[in-house]
Amino acid sequence: MSQKIIRFFERLYYQKDKLWLSIWLGGLLLVWGWDRMFLNHPAMQRVETGFLNSFIIAVLVLVFSLLLSWVTVNSLLLPGRWLSGLFVFLLNILRSIPQIVGILFGYVAITVWLQGDVLRSSLSVLVLMAVIISLFVFQEIVDLMLERVEHFRKSDFYQAMLVRGVAESRIINYDILWMNSRIHIFNKLIAIFGTAVFLQCSVDFIISVGLSTTLSSVNLPSTLGTLLANIDSKQDILAIGNTLMNPSYIGKIFFEHLQGVTVAFLIVFSLLSIYKIANGFTERFKL
């Protein structure tokens, strides 16, 4: 039994993606347990809701990005599709807009629609937020898919399949993208997940502290970014700086300033873990 446990941890150590996934989940569980003991109930609910909303948005970004990428690649590559020129034009426009700027204007539009009662449910807002982020990150998956298709188009495999009468759509979607590229696409999705978390936290924070009260993110669902900009969290984070001048104060941070410390830790720790998971996945499959 002990030998099996040792071998399990040896395999886990050499598979960095699984190791960091375990570290991330374990760290989240540890933080949740600590907060359950020492963070007041209203603040605990805000943190749980903010993290859950951020996670839901990031997962939805993956779904929409993958769907947009698949539609775009098929429209660009398959013959007889009049939409090809339109997709090229739209892609060039999206590439020319900085991600933060594009998402920021999209979030402002959501806030305006909320104030006009165009959007009423929190779920519809979360979905729309995910769609907006997806519009500015899915090009990375498109580039990967196009690169994989072009790689196989130069091989004898592609021409042989065409000669055998196999439909080009099946070759691209099944034989290339699914059978020979799904690991590459999954690796890109891990990176997109981290990008989605970073972008939504950044834009939520900018909206929370930088815009007027008429466009306040109080109208948007709570996320880690909005919680970080909350006055209580900002005071908690400022308390961390106080420890530089007064090191003895560090013991109070994890009890008296727990909300801000928790939110900041969740953002930084999650981004670091996702980055390590993506690198570990690349290393394990030699991508």
Protein backbone atom coordinates (compact mmCIF):
# COMPACT_ATOMS: atom_id res chain seq x y z
CA MET A 1 0.00 0.00 0.00
CA SER A 2 2.78 2.41 0.93
CA GLN A 3 4.60 1.65 -2.34
CA LYS A 4 1.48 2.53 -4.33
CA ILE A 5 1.18 5.83 -2.48
CA ILE A 6 4.85 6.61 -3.13
CA ARG A 7 4.50 5.79 -6.84
CA PHE A 8 1.36 7.92 -7.03
CA PHE A 9 3.15 10.97 -5.62
CA GLU A 10 6.17 10.31 -7.86
CA ARG A 11 3.94 10.34 -10.95
CA LEU A 12 2.17 13.43 -9.66
CA TYR A 13 5.48 15.22 -9.13
CA TYR A 14 6.64 14.57 -12.70
CA GLN A 15 3.26 15.49 -14.21
CA LYS A 16 3.37 19.19 -13.40
CA ASP A 17 -0.09 19.95 -14.77
CA LYS A 18 -1.76 17.44 -12.45
CA LEU A 19 0.49 18.55 -9.59
CA TRP A 20 -0.49 22.20 -9.95
CA LEU A 21 -4.15 21.30 -10.46
CA SER A 22 -4.00 19.46 -7.11
CA ILE A 23 -2.19 22.41 -5.50
CA TRP A 24 -4.80 24.84 -6.87
CA LEU A 25 -7.80 22.82 -5.72
CA GLY A 26 -6.16 22.09 -2.37
CA GLY A 27 -5.33 25.76 -1.87
CA LEU A 28 -8.89 26.81 -2.70
CA LEU A 29 -10.25 24.27 -0.24
CA LEU A 30 -7.83 25.44 2.46
CA VAL A 31 -8.79 29.10 1.95
CA TRP A 32 -12.49 28.20 2.00
CA GLY A 33 -12.08 26.31 5.28
CA TRP A 34 -10.12 29.18 6.88
CA ASP A 35 -12.72 31.72 5.79
CA ARG A 36 -15.55 29.57 7.11
CA MET A 37 -13.93 29.74 10.52
CA PHE A 38 -12.83 33.38 10.70
CA LEU A 39 -14.69 35.44 8.06
CA ASN A 40 -18.11 36.88 8.93
CA HIS A 41 -21.09 35.35 7.14
CA PRO A 42 -22.04 38.30 4.83
CA ALA A 43 -18.43 38.70 3.66
CA MET A 44 -18.14 34.94 3.18
CA GLN A 45 -21.22 34.95 0.97
CA ARG A 46 -19.79 37.79 -1.12
CA VAL A 47 -16.50 35.95 -1.62
CA GLU A 48 -18.23 32.68 -2.54
CA THR A 49 -20.58 34.44 -4.97
CA GLY A 50 -17.76 36.46 -6.53
CA PHE A 51 -15.55 33.41 -7.05
CA LEU A 52 -18.42 31.32 -8.43
CA ASN A 53 -19.46 34.06 -10.88
CA SER A 54 -15.86 34.53 -12.04
CA PHE A 55 -15.51 30.78 -12.55
CA ILE A 56 -18.81 30.54 -14.45
CA ILE A 57 -17.82 33.42 -16.75
CA ALA A 58 -14.42 31.84 -17.47
CA VAL A 59 -16.00 28.46 -18.31
CA LEU A 60 -18.58 30.13 -20.56
CA VAL A 61 -15.75 31.99 -22.30
CA LEU A 62 -14.20 28.62 -23.17
CA VAL A 63 -17.49 27.33 -24.59
CA PHE A 64 -18.20 30.44 -26.68
CA SER A 65 -14.58 30.78 -27.82
CA LEU A 66 -14.49 27.18 -29.00
CA LEU A 67 -17.81 27.57 -30.82
CA LEU A 68 -16.78 30.86 -32.46
CA SER A 69 -13.44 29.36 -33.49
CA TRP A 70 -15.03 26.29 -35.05
CA VAL A 71 -17.54 28.36 -37.04
CA THR A 72 -14.83 30.79 -38.16
CA VAL A 73 -12.36 28.10 -39.27
CA ASN A 74 -15.02 26.24 -41.24
CA SER A 75 -16.16 29.47 -42.89
CA LEU A 76 -12.59 30.39 -43.84
CA LEU A 77 -11.39 27.01 -45.09
CA LEU A 78 -14.28 25.20 -46.70
CA PRO A 79 -14.91 26.09 -50.36
CA GLY A 80 -18.07 27.79 -51.53
CA ARG A 81 -18.63 29.70 -48.30
CA TRP A 82 -19.51 33.32 -49.14
CA LEU A 83 -19.05 34.20 -45.47
CA SER A 84 -15.28 33.82 -45.75
CA GLY A 85 -14.64 37.45 -46.69
CA LEU A 86 -16.96 38.69 -43.95
CA PHE A 87 -15.20 36.61 -41.29
CA VAL A 88 -11.79 37.85 -42.43
CA PHE A 89 -13.03 41.45 -42.19
CA LEU A 90 -14.50 40.92 -38.71
CA LEU A 91 -11.39 39.12 -37.47
CA ASN A 92 -9.18 41.98 -38.61
CA ILE A 93 -11.39 44.49 -36.80
CA LEU A 94 -11.33 42.48 -33.56
CA ARG A 95 -7.55 42.04 -33.77
CA SER A 96 -7.10 45.81 -34.11
CA ILE A 97 -8.93 46.54 -30.84
CA PRO A 98 -6.95 46.08 -27.58
CA GLN A 99 -8.59 43.40 -25.47
CA ILE A 100 -8.99 45.51 -22.33
CA VAL A 101 -10.48 48.43 -24.28
CA GLY A 102 -12.94 46.27 -26.21
CA ILE A 103 -14.14 44.40 -23.14
CA LEU A 104 -14.37 47.63 -21.15
CA PHE A 105 -16.74 49.20 -23.69
CA GLY A 106 -18.72 45.96 -23.80
CA TYR A 107 -19.14 46.01 -20.02
CA VAL A 108 -20.22 49.65 -20.12
CA ALA A 109 -22.88 48.68 -22.68
CA ILE A 110 -24.08 45.91 -20.36
CA THR A 111 -24.37 48.40 -17.50
CA VAL A 112 -26.41 50.78 -19.66
CA TRP A 113 -28.72 47.93 -20.70
CA LEU A 114 -29.14 46.98 -17.05
CA GLN A 115 -30.14 50.51 -16.17
CA GLY A 116 -32.63 50.48 -19.04
CA ASP A 117 -34.12 47.14 -17.86
CA VAL A 118 -33.09 45.47 -21.12
CA LEU A 119 -31.27 42.84 -19.05
CA ARG A 120 -32.96 41.63 -15.89
CA SER A 121 -31.56 38.25 -14.83
CA SER A 122 -28.07 37.74 -13.43
CA LEU A 123 -27.58 34.68 -15.63
CA SER A 124 -28.18 36.66 -18.82
CA VAL A 125 -25.63 39.24 -17.66
CA LEU A 126 -23.04 36.53 -16.93
CA VAL A 127 -23.61 34.98 -20.35
CA LEU A 128 -23.29 38.33 -22.11
CA MET A 129 -20.11 39.15 -20.17
CA ALA A 130 -18.67 35.82 -21.30
CA VAL A 131 -19.67 36.47 -24.93
CA ILE A 132 -17.93 39.86 -24.89
CA ILE A 133 -14.70 38.41 -23.49
CA SER A 134 -14.89 35.54 -26.00
CA LEU A 135 -15.00 37.98 -28.91
CA PHE A 136 -11.54 39.26 -27.96
CA VAL A 137 -9.81 35.96 -27.12
CA PHE A 138 -11.17 33.37 -29.57
CA GLN A 139 -8.75 34.50 -32.32
CA GLU A 140 -5.98 32.60 -30.52
CA ILE A 141 -7.88 29.35 -31.01
CA VAL A 142 -8.64 30.26 -34.63
CA ASP A 143 -4.93 30.79 -35.30
CA LEU A 144 -4.10 27.43 -33.72
CA MET A 145 -6.76 25.58 -35.72
CA LEU A 146 -5.69 27.21 -38.98
CA GLU A 147 -2.07 26.35 -38.25
CA ARG A 148 -2.95 22.69 -37.61
CA VAL A 149 -5.05 22.44 -40.76
CA GLU A 150 -2.33 24.04 -42.91
CA HIS A 151 0.23 21.65 -41.43
CA PHE A 152 -1.78 18.60 -42.46
CA ARG A 153 -2.75 20.06 -45.82
CA LYS A 154 0.92 19.90 -46.82
CA SER A 155 1.09 16.18 -46.04
CA ASP A 156 0.23 13.22 -48.26
CA PHE A 157 -2.44 12.23 -45.74
CA TYR A 158 -4.72 15.12 -46.72
CA GLN A 159 -4.48 14.50 -50.47
CA ALA A 160 -4.95 10.77 -50.00
CA MET A 161 -8.18 11.33 -48.07
CA LEU A 162 -9.48 13.63 -50.81
CA VAL A 163 -8.63 11.06 -53.50
CA ARG A 164 -10.56 8.43 -51.56
CA GLY A 165 -13.62 10.67 -51.77
CA VAL A 166 -13.72 11.76 -48.13
CA ALA A 167 -15.51 15.09 -47.70
CA GLU A 168 -13.16 17.99 -46.94
CA SER A 169 -15.35 19.07 -44.02
CA ARG A 170 -14.91 15.64 -42.42
CA ILE A 171 -11.14 15.73 -42.95
CA ILE A 172 -10.84 19.16 -41.32
CA ASN A 173 -13.27 18.67 -38.44
CA TYR A 174 -12.78 15.02 -37.56
CA ASP A 175 -9.43 13.78 -38.85
CA ILE A 176 -7.43 16.97 -38.23
CA LEU A 177 -9.09 19.02 -35.49
CA TRP A 178 -10.50 16.16 -33.44
CA MET A 179 -8.22 13.17 -34.00
CA ASN A 180 -4.90 15.01 -34.36
CA SER A 181 -5.34 18.40 -32.67
CA ARG A 182 -7.65 18.06 -29.67
CA ILE A 183 -4.73 17.98 -27.21
CA HIS A 184 -3.33 21.17 -28.73
CA ILE A 185 -6.76 22.81 -28.59
CA PHE A 186 -7.29 21.72 -24.98
CA ASN A 187 -3.92 23.17 -24.04
CA LYS A 188 -4.92 26.47 -25.67
CA LEU A 189 -8.22 26.40 -23.76
CA ILE A 190 -6.33 26.16 -20.47
CA ALA A 191 -4.43 29.31 -21.38
CA ILE A 192 -7.67 31.00 -22.52
CA PHE A 193 -9.22 30.16 -19.14
CA GLY A 194 -6.43 32.04 -17.36
CA THR A 195 -6.72 34.93 -19.81
CA ALA A 196 -10.47 35.12 -19.19
CA VAL A 197 -9.98 35.30 -15.42
CA PHE A 198 -7.33 38.01 -15.78
CA LEU A 199 -9.35 40.12 -18.23
CA GLN A 200 -12.60 39.99 -16.30
CA CYS A 201 -10.88 40.84 -13.00
CA SER A 202 -9.00 43.71 -14.63
CA VAL A 203 -12.04 45.21 -16.36
CA ASP A 204 -14.29 44.74 -13.32
CA PHE A 205 -11.72 46.51 -11.17
CA ILE A 206 -11.35 49.36 -13.68
CA ILE A 207 -15.11 49.85 -13.87
CA SER A 208 -15.47 49.71 -10.10
CA VAL A 209 -12.86 52.37 -9.29
CA GLY A 210 -12.62 54.40 -12.50
CA LEU A 211 -16.11 55.15 -13.74
CA SER A 212 -18.81 57.45 -12.43
CA THR A 213 -21.53 56.24 -10.11
CA THR A 214 -24.00 56.29 -13.01
CA LEU A 215 -22.02 53.43 -14.56
CA SER A 216 -21.15 51.72 -11.32
CA SER A 217 -20.42 48.00 -11.29
CA VAL A 218 -22.86 47.71 -8.41
CA ASN A 219 -25.32 46.91 -11.21
CA LEU A 220 -23.17 44.02 -12.43
CA PRO A 221 -23.00 40.58 -10.80
CA SER A 222 -20.33 40.32 -8.12
CA THR A 223 -16.97 38.93 -9.30
CA LEU A 224 -13.48 38.76 -7.83
CA GLY A 225 -12.63 41.98 -9.66
CA THR A 226 -15.53 43.95 -8.18
CA LEU A 227 -14.82 42.53 -4.73
CA LEU A 228 -11.19 43.64 -5.01
CA ALA A 229 -12.37 47.19 -5.70
CA ASN A 230 -14.76 47.11 -2.74
CA ILE A 231 -13.86 49.66 -0.07
CA ASP A 232 -13.51 46.94 2.58
CA SER A 233 -11.12 44.95 0.39
CA LYS A 234 -9.06 48.04 -0.46
CA GLN A 235 -8.67 48.83 3.24
CA ASP A 236 -7.68 45.21 3.88
CA ILE A 237 -5.04 45.35 1.13
CA LEU A 238 -3.70 48.65 2.45
CA ALA A 239 -3.30 46.93 5.79
CA ILE A 240 -0.84 44.54 4.13
CA GLY A 241 1.39 47.52 3.33
CA ASN A 242 1.26 48.47 6.99
CA THR A 243 3.13 45.28 7.84
CA LEU A 244 6.22 46.63 6.06
CA MET A 245 6.52 49.34 8.70
CA ASN A 246 5.02 47.26 11.49
CA PRO A 247 5.87 43.54 11.03
CA SER A 248 4.10 42.58 14.25
CA TYR A 249 0.80 43.53 12.58
CA ILE A 250 1.01 40.62 10.12
CA GLY A 251 -0.72 38.27 12.54
CA LYS A 252 -3.88 40.38 12.49
CA ILE A 253 -4.17 40.41 8.69
CA PHE A 254 -5.47 36.86 8.45
CA PHE A 255 -8.18 37.55 11.01
CA GLU A 256 -9.15 41.24 10.87
CA HIS A 257 -8.61 41.92 7.13
CA LEU A 258 -9.60 38.57 5.73
CA GLN A 259 -11.95 39.58 2.89
CA GLY A 260 -9.43 41.68 0.94
CA VAL A 261 -6.59 39.24 1.59
CA THR A 262 -8.76 36.33 0.44
CA VAL A 263 -9.87 38.02 -2.79
CA ALA A 264 -6.35 39.15 -3.69
CA PHE A 265 -4.96 35.70 -2.91
CA LEU A 266 -7.64 33.92 -4.96
CA ILE A 267 -6.87 36.05 -8.02
CA VAL A 268 -3.08 35.77 -7.83
CA PHE A 269 -3.03 32.13 -6.77
CA SER A 270 -5.52 31.09 -9.47
CA LEU A 271 -3.63 32.91 -12.24
CA LEU A 272 -0.32 31.39 -11.12
CA SER A 273 -1.80 27.89 -10.88
CA ILE A 274 -3.48 28.08 -14.30
CA TYR A 275 -0.20 29.29 -15.83
CA LYS A 276 1.69 26.38 -14.26
CA ILE A 277 -1.01 23.91 -15.33
CA ALA A 278 -0.79 25.09 -18.94
CA ASN A 279 3.02 24.87 -18.93
CA GLY A 280 2.91 21.43 -17.31
CA PHE A 281 0.39 20.19 -19.88
CA THR A 282 2.60 21.46 -22.70
CA GLU A 283 5.63 19.74 -21.18
CA ARG A 284 3.84 16.43 -20.55
CA PHE A 285 2.53 16.09 -24.11
CA LYS A 286 5.58 17.76 -25.69
CA LEU A 287 3.46 20.30 -27.57
